[in-house]
Amino acid sequence: QQGLREGFGLELIVDDQDFTHDWLRQGEVL
């Protein structure tokens, strides 16, 4: 809701809990 006011956005990427770490390692997510 704060982002809607200030103009920034979140992007949620879904994967298995054992594999989300790979997205971080590859630089796809912060």
PDB file of all heavy atoms in Angstrom:
ATOM      1  N   GLN A   1       0.834  -1.209   0.000  1.00  0.00           N
ATOM      2  CA  GLN A   1       0.000   0.000   0.000  1.00  0.00           C
ATOM      3  C   GLN A   1       0.867   1.256   0.000  1.00  0.00           C
ATOM      4  O   GLN A   1       0.554   2.245  -0.685  1.00  0.00           O
ATOM      5  CB  GLN A   1      -0.932   0.003   1.218  1.00  0.00           C
ATOM      6  CG  GLN A   1      -1.906  -1.169   1.277  1.00  0.00           C
ATOM      7  CD  GLN A   1      -2.832  -1.229   0.071  1.00  0.00           C
ATOM      8  OE1 GLN A   1      -3.152  -0.221  -0.552  1.00  0.00           O
ATOM      9  NE2 GLN A   1      -3.246  -2.433  -0.279  1.00  0.00           N
ATOM     10  N   GLN A   2       1.969   1.218   0.719  1.00  0.00           N
ATOM     11  CA  GLN A   2       2.923   2.337   0.710  1.00  0.00           C
ATOM     12  C   GLN A   2       3.514   2.510  -0.682  1.00  0.00           C
ATOM     13  O   GLN A   2       3.684   3.633  -1.169  1.00  0.00           O
ATOM     14  CB  GLN A   2       4.034   2.070   1.726  1.00  0.00           C
ATOM     15  CG  GLN A   2       5.146   3.117   1.746  1.00  0.00           C
ATOM     16  CD  GLN A   2       6.292   2.705   2.655  1.00  0.00           C
ATOM     17  OE1 GLN A   2       6.128   1.902   3.572  1.00  0.00           O
ATOM     18  NE2 GLN A   2       7.470   3.240   2.400  1.00  0.00           N
ATOM     19  N   GLY A   3       3.811   1.382  -1.333  1.00  0.00           N
ATOM     20  CA  GLY A   3       4.372   1.437  -2.674  1.00  0.00           C
ATOM     21  C   GLY A   3       3.418   2.060  -3.672  1.00  0.00           C
ATOM     22  O   GLY A   3       3.835   2.759  -4.600  1.00  0.00           O
ATOM     23  N   LEU A   4       2.115   1.812  -3.505  1.00  0.00           N
ATOM     24  CA  LEU A   4       1.126   2.427  -4.387  1.00  0.00           C
ATOM     25  C   LEU A   4       1.155   3.946  -4.266  1.00  0.00           C
ATOM     26  O   LEU A   4       0.946   4.666  -5.242  1.00  0.00           O
ATOM     27  CB  LEU A   4      -0.270   1.902  -4.055  1.00  0.00           C
ATOM     28  CG  LEU A   4      -0.534   0.424  -4.394  1.00  0.00           C
ATOM     29  CD1 LEU A   4      -1.903  -0.005  -3.876  1.00  0.00           C
ATOM     30  CD2 LEU A   4      -0.442   0.195  -5.894  1.00  0.00           C
ATOM     31  N   ARG A   5       1.437   4.426  -3.060  1.00  0.00           N
ATOM     32  CA  ARG A   5       1.496   5.882  -2.846  1.00  0.00           C
ATOM     33  C   ARG A   5       2.813   6.465  -3.344  1.00  0.00           C
ATOM     34  O   ARG A   5       2.840   7.557  -3.921  1.00  0.00           O
ATOM     35  CB  ARG A   5       1.320   6.197  -1.359  1.00  0.00           C
ATOM     36  CG  ARG A   5      -0.041   5.813  -0.786  1.00  0.00           C
ATOM     37  CD  ARG A   5      -0.227   6.385   0.609  1.00  0.00           C
ATOM     38  NE  ARG A   5       0.773   5.901   1.553  1.00  0.00           N
ATOM     39  CZ  ARG A   5       0.638   4.795   2.291  1.00  0.00           C
ATOM     40  NH1 ARG A   5      -0.457   4.048   2.169  1.00  0.00           N
ATOM     41  NH2 ARG A   5       1.580   4.423   3.128  1.00  0.00           N
ATOM     42  N   GLU A   6       3.916   5.746  -3.142  1.00  0.00           N
ATOM     43  CA  GLU A   6       5.236   6.301  -3.440  1.00  0.00           C
ATOM     44  C   GLU A   6       5.761   5.909  -4.817  1.00  0.00           C
ATOM     45  O   GLU A   6       6.759   6.461  -5.271  1.00  0.00           O
ATOM     46  CB  GLU A   6       6.233   5.861  -2.366  1.00  0.00           C
ATOM     47  CG  GLU A   6       5.877   6.377  -0.967  1.00  0.00           C
ATOM     48  CD  GLU A   6       6.939   6.031   0.049  1.00  0.00           C
ATOM     49  OE1 GLU A   6       8.023   5.543  -0.349  1.00  0.00           O
ATOM     50  OE2 GLU A   6       6.701   6.248   1.254  1.00  0.00           O
ATOM     51  N   GLY A   7       5.120   4.945  -5.469  1.00  0.00           N
ATOM     52  CA  GLY A   7       5.492   4.631  -6.843  1.00  0.00           C
ATOM     53  C   GLY A   7       6.422   3.459  -7.032  1.00  0.00           C
ATOM     54  O   GLY A   7       6.812   3.164  -8.158  1.00  0.00           O
ATOM     55  N   PHE A   8       6.806   2.769  -5.968  1.00  0.00           N
ATOM     56  CA  PHE A   8       7.666   1.596  -6.156  1.00  0.00           C
ATOM     57  C   PHE A   8       6.808   0.334  -6.126  1.00  0.00           C
ATOM     58  O   PHE A   8       5.663   0.344  -5.675  1.00  0.00           O
ATOM     59  CB  PHE A   8       8.763   1.526  -5.087  1.00  0.00           C
ATOM     60  CG  PHE A   8       8.256   1.329  -3.675  1.00  0.00           C
ATOM     61  CD1 PHE A   8       7.976   0.066  -3.174  1.00  0.00           C
ATOM     62  CD2 PHE A   8       8.067   2.422  -2.836  1.00  0.00           C
ATOM     63  CE1 PHE A   8       7.515  -0.114  -1.890  1.00  0.00           C
ATOM     64  CE2 PHE A   8       7.614   2.256  -1.542  1.00  0.00           C
ATOM     65  CZ  PHE A   8       7.338   0.982  -1.063  1.00  0.00           C
ATOM     66  N   GLY A   9       7.375  -0.756  -6.631  1.00  0.00           N
ATOM     67  CA  GLY A   9       6.605  -1.991  -6.709  1.00  0.00           C
ATOM     68  C   GLY A   9       7.412  -3.196  -6.280  1.00  0.00           C
ATOM     69  O   GLY A   9       8.641  -3.224  -6.402  1.00  0.00           O
ATOM     70  N   LEU A  10       6.712  -4.210  -5.765  1.00  0.00           N
ATOM     71  CA  LEU A  10       7.317  -5.492  -5.438  1.00  0.00           C
ATOM     72  C   LEU A  10       6.927  -6.508  -6.499  1.00  0.00           C
ATOM     73  O   LEU A  10       5.828  -6.458  -7.043  1.00  0.00           O
ATOM     74  CB  LEU A  10       6.835  -5.986  -4.072  1.00  0.00           C
ATOM     75  CG  LEU A  10       7.220  -5.175  -2.832  1.00  0.00           C
ATOM     76  CD1 LEU A  10       6.627  -5.824  -1.583  1.00  0.00           C
ATOM     77  CD2 LEU A  10       8.727  -5.063  -2.698  1.00  0.00           C
ATOM     78  N   GLU A  11       7.820  -7.418  -6.793  1.00  0.00           N
ATOM     79  CA  GLU A  11       7.510  -8.538  -7.679  1.00  0.00           C
ATOM     80  C   GLU A  11       7.742  -9.820  -6.913  1.00  0.00           C
ATOM     81  O   GLU A  11       8.853 -10.069  -6.421  1.00  0.00           O
ATOM     82  CB  GLU A  11       8.380  -8.503  -8.930  1.00  0.00           C
ATOM     83  CG  GLU A  11       8.104  -9.671  -9.867  1.00  0.00           C
ATOM     84  CD  GLU A  11       8.951  -9.636 -11.127  1.00  0.00           C
ATOM     85  OE1 GLU A  11       9.801  -8.727 -11.245  1.00  0.00           O
ATOM     86  OE2 GLU A  11       8.766 -10.517 -11.975  1.00  0.00           O
ATOM     87  N   LEU A  12       6.713 -10.646  -6.781  1.00  0.00           N
ATOM     88  CA  LEU A  12       6.815 -11.901  -6.059  1.00  0.00           C
ATOM     89  C   LEU A  12       7.016 -13.038  -7.050  1.00  0.00           C
ATOM     90  O   LEU A  12       6.203 -13.234  -7.961  1.00  0.00           O
ATOM     91  CB  LEU A  12       5.549 -12.148  -5.232  1.00  0.00           C
ATOM     92  CG  LEU A  12       5.199 -11.076  -4.192  1.00  0.00           C
ATOM     93  CD1 LEU A  12       3.933 -11.456  -3.441  1.00  0.00           C
ATOM     94  CD2 LEU A  12       6.348 -10.861  -3.222  1.00  0.00           C
ATOM     95  N   ILE A  13       8.099 -13.758  -6.884  1.00  0.00           N
ATOM     96  CA  ILE A  13       8.414 -14.907  -7.730  1.00  0.00           C
ATOM     97  C   ILE A  13       8.265 -16.156  -6.873  1.00  0.00           C
ATOM     98  O   ILE A  13       8.778 -16.213  -5.751  1.00  0.00           O
ATOM     99  CB  ILE A  13       9.840 -14.790  -8.292  1.00  0.00           C
ATOM    100  CG1 ILE A  13       9.913 -13.591  -9.250  1.00  0.00           C
ATOM    101  CG2 ILE A  13      10.259 -16.074  -8.997  1.00  0.00           C
ATOM    102  CD1 ILE A  13      11.304 -13.263  -9.709  1.00  0.00           C
ATOM    103  N   VAL A  14       7.537 -17.152  -7.379  1.00  0.00           N
ATOM    104  CA  VAL A  14       7.183 -18.320  -6.586  1.00  0.00           C
ATOM    105  C   VAL A  14       7.991 -19.536  -7.023  1.00  0.00           C
ATOM    106  O   VAL A  14       8.132 -19.822  -8.218  1.00  0.00           O
ATOM    107  CB  VAL A  14       5.672 -18.623  -6.714  1.00  0.00           C
ATOM    108  CG1 VAL A  14       5.306 -19.860  -5.901  1.00  0.00           C
ATOM    109  CG2 VAL A  14       4.855 -17.434  -6.243  1.00  0.00           C
ATOM    110  N   ASP A  15       8.522 -20.247  -6.032  1.00  0.00           N
ATOM    111  CA  ASP A  15       9.191 -21.521  -6.283  1.00  0.00           C
ATOM    112  C   ASP A  15       9.130 -22.331  -4.996  1.00  0.00           C
ATOM    113  O   ASP A  15       8.716 -21.825  -3.949  1.00  0.00           O
ATOM    114  CB  ASP A  15      10.647 -21.303  -6.727  1.00  0.00           C
ATOM    115  CG  ASP A  15      11.193 -22.459  -7.553  1.00  0.00           C
ATOM    116  OD1 ASP A  15      10.629 -23.577  -7.463  1.00  0.00           O
ATOM    117  OD2 ASP A  15      12.181 -22.277  -8.276  1.00  0.00           O
ATOM    118  N   ASP A  16       9.557 -23.578  -5.070  1.00  0.00           N
ATOM    119  CA  ASP A  16       9.623 -24.410  -3.879  1.00  0.00           C
ATOM    120  C   ASP A  16      10.589 -23.796  -2.870  1.00  0.00           C
ATOM    121  O   ASP A  16      11.584 -23.171  -3.249  1.00  0.00           O
ATOM    122  CB  ASP A  16      10.097 -25.824  -4.276  1.00  0.00           C
ATOM    123  CG  ASP A  16      10.085 -26.787  -3.118  1.00  0.00           C
ATOM    124  OD1 ASP A  16       9.055 -27.431  -2.875  1.00  0.00           O
ATOM    125  OD2 ASP A  16      11.125 -26.890  -2.440  1.00  0.00           O
ATOM    126  N   GLN A  17      10.296 -23.992  -1.572  1.00  0.00           N
ATOM    127  CA  GLN A  17      11.103 -23.355  -0.538  1.00  0.00           C
ATOM    128  C   GLN A  17      12.564 -23.805  -0.546  1.00  0.00           C
ATOM    129  O   GLN A  17      13.438 -23.105  -0.046  1.00  0.00           O
ATOM    130  CB  GLN A  17      10.511 -23.625   0.855  1.00  0.00           C
ATOM    131  CG  GLN A  17      10.397 -25.083   1.249  1.00  0.00           C
ATOM    132  CD  GLN A  17       9.048 -25.666   0.888  1.00  0.00           C
ATOM    133  OE1 GLN A  17       8.210 -25.003   0.282  1.00  0.00           O
ATOM    134  NE2 GLN A  17       8.819 -26.915   1.278  1.00  0.00           N
ATOM    135  N   ASP A  18      12.836 -24.983  -1.144  1.00  0.00           N
ATOM    136  CA  ASP A  18      14.213 -25.444  -1.239  1.00  0.00           C
ATOM    137  C   ASP A  18      14.935 -24.867  -2.450  1.00  0.00           C
ATOM    138  O   ASP A  18      16.148 -25.064  -2.594  1.00  0.00           O
ATOM    139  CB  ASP A  18      14.255 -26.973  -1.323  1.00  0.00           C
ATOM    140  CG  ASP A  18      13.717 -27.639  -0.057  1.00  0.00           C
ATOM    141  OD1 ASP A  18      13.787 -27.015   1.013  1.00  0.00           O
ATOM    142  OD2 ASP A  18      13.211 -28.773  -0.155  1.00  0.00           O
ATOM    143  N   PHE A  19      14.209 -24.158  -3.327  1.00  0.00           N
ATOM    144  CA  PHE A  19      14.801 -23.674  -4.577  1.00  0.00           C
ATOM    145  C   PHE A  19      14.774 -22.155  -4.723  1.00  0.00           C
ATOM    146  O   PHE A  19      15.391 -21.619  -5.643  1.00  0.00           O
ATOM    147  CB  PHE A  19      14.082 -24.309  -5.777  1.00  0.00           C
ATOM    148  CG  PHE A  19      14.302 -25.796  -5.885  1.00  0.00           C
ATOM    149  CD1 PHE A  19      13.497 -26.678  -5.186  1.00  0.00           C
ATOM    150  CD2 PHE A  19      15.320 -26.307  -6.665  1.00  0.00           C
ATOM    151  CE1 PHE A  19      13.694 -28.049  -5.268  1.00  0.00           C
ATOM    152  CE2 PHE A  19      15.521 -27.678  -6.763  1.00  0.00           C
ATOM    153  CZ  PHE A  19      14.709 -28.547  -6.056  1.00  0.00           C
ATOM    154  N   THR A  20      14.050 -21.448  -3.850  1.00  0.00           N
ATOM    155  CA  THR A  20      14.040 -19.982  -3.943  1.00  0.00           C
ATOM    156  C   THR A  20      15.438 -19.398  -3.783  1.00  0.00           C
ATOM    157  O   THR A  20      15.751 -18.344  -4.338  1.00  0.00           O
ATOM    158  CB  THR A  20      13.108 -19.383  -2.863  1.00  0.00           C
ATOM    159  OG1 THR A  20      13.465 -19.929  -1.580  1.00  0.00           O
ATOM    160  CG2 THR A  20      11.654 -19.697  -3.157  1.00  0.00           C
ATOM    161  N   HIS A  21      16.282 -20.099  -3.038  1.00  0.00           N
ATOM    162  CA  HIS A  21      17.652 -19.635  -2.812  1.00  0.00           C
ATOM    163  C   HIS A  21      18.435 -19.565  -4.118  1.00  0.00           C
ATOM    164  O   HIS A  21      19.337 -18.723  -4.268  1.00  0.00           O
ATOM    165  CB  HIS A  21      18.343 -20.578  -1.818  1.00  0.00           C
ATOM    166  CG  HIS A  21      19.492 -19.975  -1.094  1.00  0.00           C
ATOM    167  ND1 HIS A  21      20.791 -20.384  -1.298  1.00  0.00           N
ATOM    168  CD2 HIS A  21      19.554 -18.983  -0.171  1.00  0.00           C
ATOM    169  CE1 HIS A  21      21.596 -19.687  -0.527  1.00  0.00           C
ATOM    170  NE2 HIS A  21      20.882 -18.826   0.160  1.00  0.00           N
ATOM    171  N   ASP A  22      18.106 -20.450  -5.060  1.00  0.00           N
ATOM    172  CA  ASP A  22      18.796 -20.423  -6.354  1.00  0.00           C
ATOM    173  C   ASP A  22      18.512 -19.126  -7.102  1.00  0.00           C
ATOM    174  O   ASP A  22      19.381 -18.602  -7.816  1.00  0.00           O
ATOM    175  CB  ASP A  22      18.359 -21.615  -7.215  1.00  0.00           C
ATOM    176  CG  ASP A  22      18.831 -22.940  -6.644  1.00  0.00           C
ATOM    177  OD1 ASP A  22      19.798 -22.932  -5.871  1.00  0.00           O
ATOM    178  OD2 ASP A  22      18.220 -23.977  -6.964  1.00  0.00           O
ATOM    179  N   TRP A  23      17.290 -18.588  -6.971  1.00  0.00           N
ATOM    180  CA  TRP A  23      16.955 -17.323  -7.617  1.00  0.00           C
ATOM    181  C   TRP A  23      17.834 -16.198  -7.064  1.00  0.00           C
ATOM    182  O   TRP A  23      18.267 -15.306  -7.805  1.00  0.00           O
ATOM    183  CB  TRP A  23      15.478 -16.989  -7.381  1.00  0.00           C
ATOM    184  CG  TRP A  23      14.526 -17.864  -8.123  1.00  0.00           C
ATOM    185  CD1 TRP A  23      14.107 -19.112  -7.775  1.00  0.00           C
ATOM    186  CD2 TRP A  23      13.872 -17.565  -9.357  1.00  0.00           C
ATOM    187  NE1 TRP A  23      13.221 -19.604  -8.708  1.00  0.00           N
ATOM    188  CE2 TRP A  23      13.059 -18.675  -9.690  1.00  0.00           C
ATOM    189  CE3 TRP A  23      13.873 -16.459 -10.202  1.00  0.00           C
ATOM    190  CZ2 TRP A  23      12.267 -18.711 -10.827  1.00  0.00           C
ATOM    191  CZ3 TRP A  23      13.080 -16.502 -11.342  1.00  0.00           C
ATOM    192  CH2 TRP A  23      12.304 -17.615 -11.646  1.00  0.00           C
ATOM    193  N   LEU A  24      18.099 -16.243  -5.759  1.00  0.00           N
ATOM    194  CA  LEU A  24      18.959 -15.236  -5.137  1.00  0.00           C
ATOM    195  C   LEU A  24      20.393 -15.389  -5.623  1.00  0.00           C
ATOM    196  O   LEU A  24      21.057 -14.405  -5.967  1.00  0.00           O
ATOM    197  CB  LEU A  24      18.896 -15.382  -3.610  1.00  0.00           C
ATOM    198  CG  LEU A  24      19.621 -14.314  -2.791  1.00  0.00           C
ATOM    199  CD1 LEU A  24      18.877 -12.985  -2.856  1.00  0.00           C
ATOM    200  CD2 LEU A  24      19.767 -14.762  -1.335  1.00  0.00           C
ATOM    201  N   ARG A  25      20.878 -16.611  -5.678  1.00  0.00           N
ATOM    202  CA  ARG A  25      22.259 -16.870  -6.099  1.00  0.00           C
ATOM    203  C   ARG A  25      22.490 -16.401  -7.535  1.00  0.00           C
ATOM    204  O   ARG A  25      23.557 -15.876  -7.866  1.00  0.00           O
ATOM    205  CB  ARG A  25      22.567 -18.361  -5.979  1.00  0.00           C
ATOM    206  CG  ARG A  25      23.991 -18.735  -6.413  1.00  0.00           C
ATOM    207  CD  ARG A  25      24.234 -20.234  -6.346  1.00  0.00           C
ATOM    208  NE  ARG A  25      24.164 -20.732  -4.982  1.00  0.00           N
ATOM    209  CZ  ARG A  25      23.166 -21.445  -4.487  1.00  0.00           C
ATOM    210  NH1 ARG A  25      22.128 -21.751  -5.257  1.00  0.00           N
ATOM    211  NH2 ARG A  25      23.191 -21.867  -3.254  1.00  0.00           N
ATOM    212  N   GLN A  26      21.493 -16.572  -8.386  1.00  0.00           N
ATOM    213  CA  GLN A  26      21.637 -16.208  -9.789  1.00  0.00           C
ATOM    214  C   GLN A  26      21.390 -14.726 -10.055  1.00  0.00           C
ATOM    215  O   GLN A  26      21.493 -14.285 -11.199  1.00  0.00           O
ATOM    216  CB  GLN A  26      20.669 -17.048 -10.627  1.00  0.00           C
ATOM    217  CG  GLN A  26      20.994 -18.529 -10.624  1.00  0.00           C
ATOM    218  CD  GLN A  26      19.920 -19.376 -11.276  1.00  0.00           C
ATOM    219  OE1 GLN A  26      19.036 -18.856 -11.960  1.00  0.00           O
ATOM    220  NE2 GLN A  26      19.971 -20.679 -11.070  1.00  0.00           N
ATOM    221  N   GLY A  27      21.045 -13.968  -9.016  1.00  0.00           N
ATOM    222  CA  GLY A  27      20.837 -12.533  -9.186  1.00  0.00           C
ATOM    223  C   GLY A  27      19.464 -12.164  -9.691  1.00  0.00           C
ATOM    224  O   GLY A  27      19.202 -11.003  -9.983  1.00  0.00           O
ATOM    225  N   GLU A  28      18.551 -13.148  -9.797  1.00  0.00           N
ATOM    226  CA  GLU A  28      17.213 -12.861 -10.302  1.00  0.00           C
ATOM    227  C   GLU A  28      16.380 -12.069  -9.300  1.00  0.00           C
ATOM    228  O   GLU A  28      15.471 -11.334  -9.682  1.00  0.00           O
ATOM    229  CB  GLU A  28      16.486 -14.169 -10.649  1.00  0.00           C
ATOM    230  CG  GLU A  28      17.137 -14.983 -11.753  1.00  0.00           C
ATOM    231  CD  GLU A  28      16.786 -14.452 -13.134  1.00  0.00           C
ATOM    232  OE1 GLU A  28      16.049 -13.457 -13.224  1.00  0.00           O
ATOM    233  OE2 GLU A  28      17.272 -15.034 -14.124  1.00  0.00           O
ATOM    234  N   VAL A  29      16.658 -12.260  -8.001  1.00  0.00           N
ATOM    235  CA  VAL A  29      15.905 -11.572  -6.960  1.00  0.00           C
ATOM    236  C   VAL A  29      16.877 -10.957  -5.961  1.00  0.00           C
ATOM    237  O   VAL A  29      18.056 -11.318  -5.902  1.00  0.00           O
ATOM    238  CB  VAL A  29      14.934 -12.532  -6.233  1.00  0.00           C
ATOM    239  CG1 VAL A  29      13.913 -13.110  -7.205  1.00  0.00           C
ATOM    240  CG2 VAL A  29      15.687 -13.650  -5.517  1.00  0.00           C
ATOM    241  N   LEU A  30      16.347 -10.036  -5.147  1.00  0.00           N
ATOM    242  CA  LEU A  30      17.162  -9.384  -4.124  1.00  0.00           C
ATOM    243  C   LEU A  30      16.963 -10.001  -2.747  1.00  0.00           C
ATOM    244  O   LEU A  30      17.725  -9.716  -1.821  1.00  0.00           O
ATOM    245  CB  LEU A  30      16.827  -7.886  -4.061  1.00  0.00           C
ATOM    246  CG  LEU A  30      17.287  -7.074  -5.264  1.00  0.00           C
ATOM    247  CD1 LEU A  30      16.711  -5.660  -5.202  1.00  0.00           C
ATOM    248  CD2 LEU A  30      18.809  -7.011  -5.316  1.00  0.00           C
TER     249      LEU A  30
END
